[in-house]
């Protein structure tokens, strides 16, 4: 019974990452230690850390672009 309840609840839990853009450049891909918007989108779409400069994506991600970036 407990396993059935857990199985029913788990699909409704949305795991997600917040990926923060730290670079305004759109041409860089893994060339420095900052996270570009392009890298953030790729990581979010792949649900992985394709580019280690950014947080790994995971489910329904949020990409945060701070003012001035």
N, C-alpha and C. Protein backbone atom coordinates (compact mmCIF):
# COMPACT_ATOMS: atom_id res chain seq x y z
N UNK A 1 0.82 -1.19 0.00
CA UNK A 1 0.00 0.00 0.00
C UNK A 1 0.88 1.26 0.00
N UNK A 2 1.89 1.30 0.85
CA UNK A 2 2.77 2.46 0.92
C UNK A 2 3.50 2.67 -0.41
N UNK A 3 3.94 1.60 -1.04
CA UNK A 3 4.63 1.72 -2.33
C UNK A 3 3.71 2.30 -3.38
N UNK A 4 2.45 1.95 -3.35
CA UNK A 4 1.48 2.47 -4.33
C UNK A 4 1.27 3.97 -4.13
N UNK A 5 1.23 4.40 -2.89
CA UNK A 5 1.07 5.84 -2.60
C UNK A 5 2.30 6.61 -3.06
N UNK A 6 3.48 6.09 -2.78
CA UNK A 6 4.71 6.76 -3.21
C UNK A 6 4.77 6.82 -4.73
N UNK A 7 4.42 5.73 -5.41
CA UNK A 7 4.44 5.71 -6.87
C UNK A 7 3.45 6.71 -7.46
N UNK A 8 2.34 6.92 -6.79
CA UNK A 8 1.33 7.86 -7.28
C UNK A 8 1.79 9.30 -7.09
N UNK A 9 2.57 9.56 -6.07
CA UNK A 9 3.01 10.92 -5.76
C UNK A 9 4.25 11.31 -6.57
N UNK A 10 5.18 10.41 -6.78
CA UNK A 10 6.44 10.74 -7.44
C UNK A 10 6.30 11.37 -8.81
N UNK A 11 5.43 10.90 -9.69
CA UNK A 11 5.35 11.55 -11.00
C UNK A 11 4.92 13.01 -10.95
N UNK A 12 4.24 13.41 -9.89
CA UNK A 12 3.79 14.79 -9.78
C UNK A 12 4.86 15.72 -9.23
N UNK A 13 5.94 15.15 -8.70
CA UNK A 13 7.02 15.97 -8.18
C UNK A 13 7.88 16.41 -9.35
N UNK A 14 8.06 17.70 -9.51
CA UNK A 14 8.86 18.21 -10.62
C UNK A 14 10.25 18.58 -10.15
N UNK A 15 11.23 17.78 -10.54
CA UNK A 15 12.61 18.11 -10.21
C UNK A 15 13.07 19.14 -11.22
N UNK A 16 13.73 20.16 -10.77
CA UNK A 16 14.18 21.22 -11.67
C UNK A 16 15.44 21.86 -11.13
N UNK A 17 16.17 22.49 -12.03
CA UNK A 17 17.37 23.22 -11.66
C UNK A 17 17.19 24.68 -12.02
N UNK A 18 17.87 25.55 -11.29
CA UNK A 18 17.95 26.95 -11.68
C UNK A 18 19.35 27.16 -12.22
N UNK A 19 19.42 27.56 -13.48
CA UNK A 19 20.70 27.77 -14.15
C UNK A 19 20.88 29.27 -14.31
N UNK A 20 21.93 29.82 -13.70
CA UNK A 20 22.16 31.26 -13.72
C UNK A 20 23.20 31.62 -14.77
N UNK A 21 22.82 32.50 -15.67
CA UNK A 21 23.72 32.99 -16.71
C UNK A 21 24.67 34.00 -16.07
N UNK A 22 25.97 33.84 -16.33
CA UNK A 22 26.96 34.74 -15.75
C UNK A 22 27.78 35.47 -16.81
N UNK A 23 27.45 35.24 -18.08
CA UNK A 23 28.20 35.88 -19.16
C UNK A 23 27.23 36.37 -20.23
N UNK A 24 27.47 37.57 -20.75
CA UNK A 24 26.65 38.12 -21.81
C UNK A 24 27.06 37.65 -23.19
N UNK A 25 28.16 36.92 -23.29
CA UNK A 25 28.63 36.44 -24.59
C UNK A 25 27.73 35.32 -25.10
N UNK A 26 27.49 35.32 -26.41
CA UNK A 26 26.69 34.25 -27.01
C UNK A 26 27.54 33.29 -27.83
N UNK A 27 28.83 33.59 -27.96
CA UNK A 27 29.70 32.78 -28.81
C UNK A 27 30.51 31.73 -28.07
N UNK A 28 30.62 31.85 -26.77
CA UNK A 28 31.47 30.92 -26.02
C UNK A 28 30.74 29.62 -25.74
N UNK A 29 31.44 28.54 -25.84
CA UNK A 29 30.92 27.24 -25.46
C UNK A 29 32.02 26.49 -24.72
N UNK A 30 31.95 26.50 -23.39
CA UNK A 30 32.91 25.78 -22.57
C UNK A 30 34.33 26.31 -22.63
N UNK A 31 34.49 27.57 -23.00
CA UNK A 31 35.84 28.11 -23.16
C UNK A 31 36.34 28.86 -21.94
N UNK A 32 35.47 29.10 -20.97
CA UNK A 32 35.90 29.80 -19.76
C UNK A 32 35.06 29.32 -18.58
N UNK A 33 35.15 29.99 -17.47
CA UNK A 33 34.43 29.52 -16.28
C UNK A 33 33.12 30.28 -16.05
N UNK A 34 32.58 30.89 -17.09
CA UNK A 34 31.30 31.57 -16.93
C UNK A 34 30.24 30.87 -17.77
N UNK A 35 28.98 31.07 -17.40
CA UNK A 35 27.86 30.39 -18.03
C UNK A 35 27.14 31.34 -18.99
N UNK A 36 27.21 31.04 -20.28
CA UNK A 36 26.51 31.87 -21.27
C UNK A 36 25.06 31.39 -21.42
N UNK A 37 24.23 32.22 -22.00
CA UNK A 37 22.83 31.84 -22.22
C UNK A 37 22.77 30.60 -23.11
N UNK A 38 23.60 30.55 -24.12
CA UNK A 38 23.63 29.40 -25.03
C UNK A 38 23.95 28.11 -24.27
N UNK A 39 24.95 28.15 -23.39
CA UNK A 39 25.31 26.98 -22.60
C UNK A 39 24.16 26.60 -21.65
N UNK A 40 23.53 27.60 -21.04
CA UNK A 40 22.42 27.34 -20.11
C UNK A 40 21.27 26.63 -20.82
N UNK A 41 20.95 27.08 -22.03
CA UNK A 41 19.85 26.46 -22.79
C UNK A 41 20.20 25.03 -23.16
N UNK A 42 21.43 24.81 -23.58
CA UNK A 42 21.86 23.45 -23.94
C UNK A 42 21.78 22.53 -22.73
N UNK A 43 22.28 22.98 -21.57
CA UNK A 43 22.21 22.16 -20.35
C UNK A 43 20.76 21.88 -19.96
N UNK A 44 19.90 22.89 -20.07
CA UNK A 44 18.49 22.70 -19.72
C UNK A 44 17.83 21.70 -20.66
N UNK A 45 18.11 21.80 -21.94
CA UNK A 45 17.51 20.88 -22.91
C UNK A 45 18.02 19.45 -22.76
N UNK A 46 19.28 19.30 -22.39
CA UNK A 46 19.87 17.96 -22.25
C UNK A 46 19.66 17.34 -20.88
N UNK A 47 19.12 18.11 -19.92
CA UNK A 47 18.98 17.64 -18.54
C UNK A 47 20.30 17.05 -18.03
N UNK A 48 21.39 17.76 -18.32
CA UNK A 48 22.72 17.29 -17.94
C UNK A 48 23.67 18.48 -17.90
N UNK A 49 24.89 18.23 -17.44
CA UNK A 49 25.92 19.26 -17.43
C UNK A 49 26.78 19.11 -18.68
N UNK A 50 26.17 19.32 -19.84
CA UNK A 50 26.90 19.24 -21.09
C UNK A 50 28.07 20.22 -21.06
N UNK A 51 27.82 21.41 -20.53
CA UNK A 51 28.86 22.41 -20.33
C UNK A 51 29.00 22.63 -18.83
N UNK A 52 30.18 22.29 -18.30
CA UNK A 52 30.42 22.35 -16.86
C UNK A 52 30.43 23.78 -16.32
N UNK A 53 30.46 24.77 -17.21
CA UNK A 53 30.43 26.17 -16.77
C UNK A 53 29.08 26.53 -16.15
N UNK A 54 28.04 25.74 -16.45
CA UNK A 54 26.68 25.99 -15.97
C UNK A 54 26.19 24.82 -15.12
N UNK A 55 25.18 25.08 -14.32
CA UNK A 55 24.53 24.03 -13.55
C UNK A 55 23.90 23.02 -14.50
N UNK A 56 23.87 21.77 -14.12
CA UNK A 56 23.23 20.74 -14.93
C UNK A 56 21.73 20.95 -14.96
N UNK A 57 21.13 20.73 -16.10
CA UNK A 57 19.68 20.78 -16.21
C UNK A 57 19.07 19.55 -15.56
N UNK A 58 17.79 19.68 -15.18
CA UNK A 58 17.11 18.56 -14.54
C UNK A 58 15.61 18.82 -14.54
N UNK A 59 14.92 18.34 -15.53
CA UNK A 59 13.47 18.51 -15.57
C UNK A 59 13.07 19.88 -16.09
N UNK A 60 12.07 20.48 -15.44
CA UNK A 60 11.56 21.80 -15.83
C UNK A 60 12.45 22.88 -15.22
N UNK A 61 13.48 23.25 -15.94
CA UNK A 61 14.49 24.17 -15.41
C UNK A 61 14.08 25.63 -15.54
N UNK A 62 14.72 26.46 -14.73
CA UNK A 62 14.59 27.92 -14.82
C UNK A 62 15.96 28.48 -15.17
N UNK A 63 15.99 29.32 -16.19
CA UNK A 63 17.23 30.00 -16.55
C UNK A 63 17.12 31.43 -16.05
N UNK A 64 18.03 31.79 -15.16
CA UNK A 64 18.03 33.13 -14.56
C UNK A 64 19.08 33.99 -15.25
N UNK A 65 18.64 35.17 -15.72
CA UNK A 65 19.55 36.11 -16.37
C UNK A 65 19.55 37.38 -15.53
N UNK A 66 20.57 37.57 -14.70
CA UNK A 66 20.63 38.75 -13.85
C UNK A 66 20.75 40.05 -14.68
N UNK A 67 20.24 41.13 -14.14
CA UNK A 67 20.32 42.43 -14.80
C UNK A 67 21.78 42.76 -15.11
N UNK A 68 22.04 43.30 -16.27
CA UNK A 68 23.38 43.70 -16.65
C UNK A 68 24.22 42.59 -17.26
N UNK A 69 23.64 41.40 -17.36
CA UNK A 69 24.40 40.27 -17.94
C UNK A 69 24.27 40.31 -19.43
